[in-house]
N, C-alpha and C. Protein backbone atom coordinates (compact mmCIF):
# COMPACT_ATOMS: atom_id res chain seq x y z
N MET A 1 0.90 -1.20 0.07
CA MET A 1 0.02 0.10 -0.11
C MET A 1 0.88 1.29 -0.04
N PRO A 2 0.62 2.11 -0.61
CA PRO A 2 1.04 3.32 -0.55
C PRO A 2 1.27 4.05 0.54
N VAL A 3 2.28 4.89 1.01
CA VAL A 3 2.74 5.15 2.16
C VAL A 3 1.89 6.95 2.42
N ASP A 4 1.53 7.16 3.33
CA ASP A 4 0.67 8.53 3.57
C ASP A 4 1.95 9.27 4.28
N THR A 5 2.75 9.96 3.25
CA THR A 5 3.82 10.79 3.82
C THR A 5 3.39 12.46 3.60
N ASN A 6 3.75 12.60 2.25
CA ASN A 6 3.43 14.01 2.02
C ASN A 6 2.54 14.31 1.12
N THR A 7 1.46 14.78 1.26
CA THR A 7 0.46 15.06 -0.04
C THR A 7 0.37 16.46 -0.45
N ILE A 8 1.74 17.21 -0.22
CA ILE A 8 1.78 18.50 -0.81
C ILE A 8 2.00 18.29 -2.32
N TYR A 9 1.44 19.09 -3.02
CA TYR A 9 1.33 18.83 -4.53
C TYR A 9 1.47 20.16 -5.11
N LYS A 10 1.80 20.31 -6.27
CA LYS A 10 2.31 21.52 -7.31
C LYS A 10 1.31 21.38 -8.41
N ILE A 11 0.45 22.29 -8.57
CA ILE A 11 -0.13 22.18 -9.95
C ILE A 11 0.54 22.81 -11.16
N VAL A 12 1.18 21.91 -12.11
CA VAL A 12 2.04 22.16 -12.99
C VAL A 12 1.31 22.93 -14.30
N GLU A 13 0.10 22.39 -14.55
CA GLU A 13 -0.66 22.83 -15.59
C GLU A 13 -2.13 22.55 -15.57
N ALA A 14 -3.03 23.75 -16.15
CA ALA A 14 -4.51 23.40 -16.09
C ALA A 14 -4.82 23.91 -17.51
N ARG A 15 -5.17 22.94 -18.33
CA ARG A 15 -5.43 23.41 -19.66
C ARG A 15 -7.06 23.06 -20.12
N PRO A 16 -7.60 23.82 -20.65
CA PRO A 16 -8.74 23.37 -21.28
C PRO A 16 -8.81 22.82 -22.68
N TYR A 17 -9.81 21.73 -23.02
CA TYR A 17 -9.52 21.38 -24.27
C TYR A 17 -11.08 20.95 -24.90
N THR A 18 -10.94 20.63 -26.36
CA THR A 18 -12.40 20.49 -26.77
C THR A 18 -12.06 19.15 -27.49
N LYS A 19 -13.19 18.10 -27.34
CA LYS A 19 -13.02 16.89 -28.17
C LYS A 19 -14.17 16.65 -29.16
N ILE A 20 -13.58 16.70 -30.64
CA ILE A 20 -14.79 16.62 -31.32
C ILE A 20 -14.89 15.19 -32.00
N SER A 21 -15.98 14.71 -31.99
CA SER A 21 -16.44 13.37 -32.93
C SER A 21 -17.51 13.67 -33.89
N ALA A 22 -17.71 12.68 -34.60
CA ALA A 22 -18.83 12.97 -35.59
C ALA A 22 -20.08 13.21 -35.01
N LYS A 23 -20.44 12.65 -33.74
CA LYS A 23 -21.79 12.80 -33.11
C LYS A 23 -21.87 14.05 -32.04
N GLU A 24 -20.72 14.44 -31.49
CA GLU A 24 -20.72 15.39 -30.32
C GLU A 24 -19.62 16.23 -30.34
N LYS A 25 -19.80 17.35 -29.43
CA LYS A 25 -18.40 18.12 -29.20
C LYS A 25 -18.48 18.31 -27.66
N GLU A 26 -17.31 17.87 -26.85
CA GLU A 26 -17.23 17.77 -25.39
C GLU A 26 -16.09 18.60 -24.99
N LYS A 27 -16.19 19.59 -23.94
CA LYS A 27 -15.46 20.47 -23.40
C LYS A 27 -14.84 20.13 -22.14
N GLY A 28 -13.51 20.27 -21.97
CA GLY A 28 -13.08 19.66 -20.81
C GLY A 28 -11.84 20.22 -20.51
N MET A 29 -11.25 20.02 -19.13
CA MET A 29 -10.18 20.64 -18.54
C MET A 29 -9.18 19.61 -18.12
N ARG A 30 -7.79 19.60 -18.23
CA ARG A 30 -6.92 18.68 -17.59
C ARG A 30 -6.14 19.49 -16.74
N VAL A 31 -6.20 18.86 -15.53
CA VAL A 31 -5.02 19.45 -14.70
C VAL A 31 -3.75 18.63 -14.23
N ALA A 32 -2.77 18.73 -14.50
CA ALA A 32 -1.44 18.01 -14.33
C ALA A 32 -0.88 18.40 -12.81
N ILE A 33 -0.58 17.36 -11.97
CA ILE A 33 -0.05 17.70 -10.45
C ILE A 33 1.08 17.10 -10.43
N ASN A 34 2.16 17.52 -10.01
CA ASN A 34 3.17 16.87 -9.28
C ASN A 34 3.25 16.64 -7.90
N LEU A 35 3.51 15.25 -7.52
CA LEU A 35 3.35 14.82 -6.26
C LEU A 35 4.54 14.53 -5.86
N HIS A 36 5.22 14.85 -4.59
CA HIS A 36 6.41 14.39 -3.94
C HIS A 36 6.29 12.85 -3.70
N ALA A 37 5.32 12.53 -3.05
CA ALA A 37 5.25 10.93 -2.68
C ALA A 37 3.64 10.65 -2.63
N GLU A 38 3.53 9.44 -2.97
CA GLU A 38 2.36 8.95 -3.17
C GLU A 38 1.22 8.83 -1.67
N PRO A 39 0.31 9.16 -1.88
CA PRO A 39 -0.80 9.25 -0.69
C PRO A 39 -1.36 7.95 -0.83
N LYS A 40 -2.24 7.71 0.49
CA LYS A 40 -3.08 6.39 0.60
C LYS A 40 -3.96 6.41 -0.42
N ASP A 41 -4.86 7.23 -0.69
CA ASP A 41 -6.01 7.07 -1.50
C ASP A 41 -5.71 8.52 -2.59
N ILE A 42 -5.57 8.17 -3.89
CA ILE A 42 -5.36 9.26 -4.81
C ILE A 42 -6.60 9.97 -4.91
N THR A 43 -7.69 9.14 -4.76
CA THR A 43 -9.24 9.67 -5.38
C THR A 43 -9.45 10.88 -4.39
N ILE A 44 -9.03 10.65 -3.18
CA ILE A 44 -9.46 11.88 -2.13
C ILE A 44 -8.91 13.03 -2.61
N LEU A 45 -7.74 12.91 -3.12
CA LEU A 45 -7.00 13.96 -3.14
C LEU A 45 -7.45 14.74 -4.79
N ALA A 46 -7.85 13.77 -5.57
CA ALA A 46 -8.35 14.32 -6.82
C ALA A 46 -9.78 14.74 -6.62
N GLY A 47 -10.42 14.43 -5.76
CA GLY A 47 -11.87 15.22 -5.21
C GLY A 47 -11.47 16.58 -4.80
N GLU A 48 -10.23 16.74 -3.74
CA GLU A 48 -10.06 18.11 -3.42
C GLU A 48 -9.65 19.04 -4.69
N ILE A 49 -8.88 18.60 -5.53
CA ILE A 49 -8.78 19.44 -6.55
C ILE A 49 -9.76 19.83 -7.53
N LYS A 50 -10.71 18.60 -7.58
CA LYS A 50 -11.83 19.01 -8.29
C LYS A 50 -12.59 20.17 -7.82
N GLN A 51 -12.63 20.09 -6.42
CA GLN A 51 -13.45 21.10 -5.57
C GLN A 51 -12.97 22.39 -5.95
N LYS A 52 -11.49 22.59 -5.97
CA LYS A 52 -11.08 23.93 -6.51
C LYS A 52 -11.39 24.47 -7.64
N TYR A 53 -11.58 23.83 -8.70
CA TYR A 53 -12.08 23.95 -9.92
C TYR A 53 -13.48 24.19 -10.24
N ASN A 54 -14.21 23.61 -9.26
CA ASN A 54 -15.84 23.40 -9.42
C ASN A 54 -16.13 24.62 -9.76
N ASN A 55 -16.21 25.81 -9.36
CA ASN A 55 -16.76 27.09 -10.27
C ASN A 55 -16.38 27.19 -11.55
N GLU A 56 -15.14 26.95 -12.07
CA GLU A 56 -14.92 27.17 -13.57
C GLU A 56 -15.53 25.69 -14.18
N ILE A 57 -15.43 24.63 -13.65
CA ILE A 57 -16.36 23.48 -14.32
C ILE A 57 -17.69 24.04 -14.64
N HIS A 58 -18.55 24.63 -13.78
CA HIS A 58 -19.80 24.76 -13.81
C HIS A 58 -19.92 26.01 -14.75
N LYS A 59 -19.29 27.07 -14.67
CA LYS A 59 -19.14 28.27 -15.21
C LYS A 59 -18.93 28.10 -16.74
N LYS A 60 -17.96 27.21 -17.15
CA LYS A 60 -17.68 26.82 -18.50
C LYS A 60 -18.77 25.65 -18.71
N ASP A 61 -19.41 24.93 -18.30
CA ASP A 61 -20.32 23.92 -18.45
C ASP A 61 -19.41 22.89 -19.15
N LEU A 62 -18.36 22.55 -18.34
CA LEU A 62 -17.62 21.19 -18.90
C LEU A 62 -18.32 20.04 -18.83
N ASP A 63 -17.60 19.07 -19.85
CA ASP A 63 -18.48 17.72 -19.78
C ASP A 63 -17.37 16.65 -19.12
N GLU A 64 -16.24 17.22 -19.22
CA GLU A 64 -15.11 16.37 -18.53
C GLU A 64 -14.23 17.07 -17.52
N PHE A 65 -13.61 16.35 -16.69
CA PHE A 65 -12.59 17.25 -16.03
C PHE A 65 -11.63 15.86 -15.65
N SER A 66 -10.24 15.99 -15.73
CA SER A 66 -9.47 15.11 -15.60
C SER A 66 -8.21 15.62 -14.88
N VAL A 67 -7.56 14.70 -14.02
CA VAL A 67 -6.50 15.25 -13.08
C VAL A 67 -5.52 14.04 -13.30
N TYR A 68 -4.12 14.54 -13.73
CA TYR A 68 -3.33 13.62 -14.00
C TYR A 68 -2.19 13.95 -13.05
N PHE A 69 -1.59 12.80 -12.42
CA PHE A 69 -0.87 12.76 -11.08
C PHE A 69 0.49 12.15 -11.71
N ASN A 70 1.60 12.96 -11.55
CA ASN A 70 2.85 12.38 -11.46
C ASN A 70 3.73 12.33 -10.26
N ILE A 71 3.90 11.03 -9.58
CA ILE A 71 4.59 10.79 -8.61
C ILE A 71 6.11 10.85 -8.85
N GLU A 72 6.67 11.97 -7.66
CA GLU A 72 8.16 12.06 -7.91
C GLU A 72 8.90 10.77 -7.06
N LYS A 73 8.33 10.33 -6.12
CA LYS A 73 9.06 9.35 -5.43
C LYS A 73 8.04 8.12 -5.03
N PRO A 74 7.91 7.22 -6.00
CA PRO A 74 6.93 5.94 -5.90
C PRO A 74 7.28 5.40 -4.56
N ASN A 75 6.26 4.91 -4.06
CA ASN A 75 6.59 3.93 -2.93
C ASN A 75 7.09 2.49 -3.09
N ASN A 76 7.28 2.13 -4.40
CA ASN A 76 7.75 0.85 -4.94
C ASN A 76 9.14 1.12 -5.36
N LYS A 77 10.07 0.68 -4.60
CA LYS A 77 11.44 0.62 -4.99
C LYS A 77 11.90 0.39 -6.49
N TYR A 78 10.92 -0.50 -7.15
CA TYR A 78 11.04 -1.20 -8.34
C TYR A 78 10.93 0.02 -9.73
N CYS A 79 9.89 0.97 -8.95
CA CYS A 79 9.45 1.85 -10.05
C CYS A 79 10.21 3.15 -10.23
N ILE A 80 10.54 3.46 -11.43
CA ILE A 80 11.07 4.85 -11.42
C ILE A 80 10.22 6.03 -11.52
N SER A 81 9.00 5.66 -12.27
CA SER A 81 7.83 6.53 -12.12
C SER A 81 6.71 6.12 -12.09
N LYS A 82 5.64 6.76 -11.73
CA LYS A 82 4.38 6.43 -11.45
C LYS A 82 3.54 7.56 -12.03
N VAL A 83 2.14 7.31 -12.51
CA VAL A 83 1.31 8.44 -13.03
C VAL A 83 0.06 7.68 -12.72
N TYR A 84 -0.80 8.45 -12.19
CA TYR A 84 -2.30 8.18 -12.02
C TYR A 84 -3.07 9.17 -12.94
N SER A 85 -4.33 8.75 -13.40
CA SER A 85 -4.99 9.82 -14.00
C SER A 85 -6.58 9.53 -13.53
N VAL A 86 -7.24 10.58 -13.26
CA VAL A 86 -8.52 10.39 -12.45
C VAL A 86 -9.53 11.15 -13.26
N PHE A 87 -10.44 10.59 -13.82
CA PHE A 87 -11.60 11.40 -14.78
C PHE A 87 -12.92 11.54 -13.94
N TYR A 88 -13.31 12.67 -14.27
CA TYR A 88 -14.86 12.81 -13.92
C TYR A 88 -15.72 13.08 -15.26
N HIS A 89 -16.90 12.83 -15.40
CA HIS A 89 -17.42 12.86 -16.61
C HIS A 89 -18.89 13.42 -16.27
N LYS A 90 -19.41 14.26 -16.89
CA LYS A 90 -20.78 14.74 -16.72
C LYS A 90 -21.92 13.44 -17.05
N ARG A 91 -21.53 12.67 -18.11
CA ARG A 91 -22.56 11.44 -18.25
C ARG A 91 -22.39 10.52 -16.94
N ASN A 92 -21.69 10.45 -16.31
CA ASN A 92 -21.57 9.46 -15.17
C ASN A 92 -21.94 10.33 -14.05
N LYS A 93 -22.28 11.25 -14.07
CA LYS A 93 -23.20 12.29 -13.18
C LYS A 93 -22.09 12.53 -12.06
N ASP A 94 -20.72 12.63 -12.17
CA ASP A 94 -19.89 12.86 -10.97
C ASP A 94 -19.27 14.24 -11.36
N LEU A 95 -19.66 15.36 -12.05
CA LEU A 95 -19.06 16.47 -12.33
C LEU A 95 -19.91 17.25 -11.67
């Protein structure tokens, strides 16, 4: 299990995007985060970050919000890097 050492994070980038398909056009936002160490539950931290952007999500009527985590020091000694992605989508009613 990941160690709960330091959940201090740095927002590296917050970028809006648009996905266009034959059927629809979806607006979204991707936030890239650097974490020094791996928290016990990445979804709790993703929820906190989503709350910080909640006004912007609703103001821009986004269809999708994603948080991309880059772990600087993974808890597994065999890993040289570790990445998590958490997606929230309007269709799933979690936005």
